[in-house]
């Protein structure tokens, strides 16, 4: 099975989206939306955040969605009765449950990215972050992923 890395090219610099009372960056908001869509399509998702603070922010944003938009999720390390379809981790903190899709918000390619067949990454409009995304793009290619881009 071919491995696919999709890069979402974001058009806005710091425009944030409102998720309840939580203000998110475009990449964070997009990660939540894509995770919800993937879950509805029957996929198990890992959202890899840069920091615990960012993971807590996404956790809160997902909890604040309207009831009909609810997305079952948990933070890595939380004790749950049943495995949730969406897990949010951060650097140094990850459960080892098998997931179908990695949505990465990390500035570098996560060490475990090669264990996924599908990865979603983001290319922010800000130049420094765009340069980091170009490096990740090269790394995914070196890992043998088929690459595609999508304007958002």
Foldseek 3Di string as FASTA:
>chain_A
DAAAEEEEEEDDAADWDDQQPATHGPLLVVVLVVLLVCVVVVWQEEEEAADVVSLVSSVVSLVSHPPVSHAFEEEAPDDDPDHGSYYYYYPPGHDPDDGAEYEYPHLADDPCNLVYRYYYYYQHPDDVSNVSVVVNVVVCVVSRHDYYYHYD
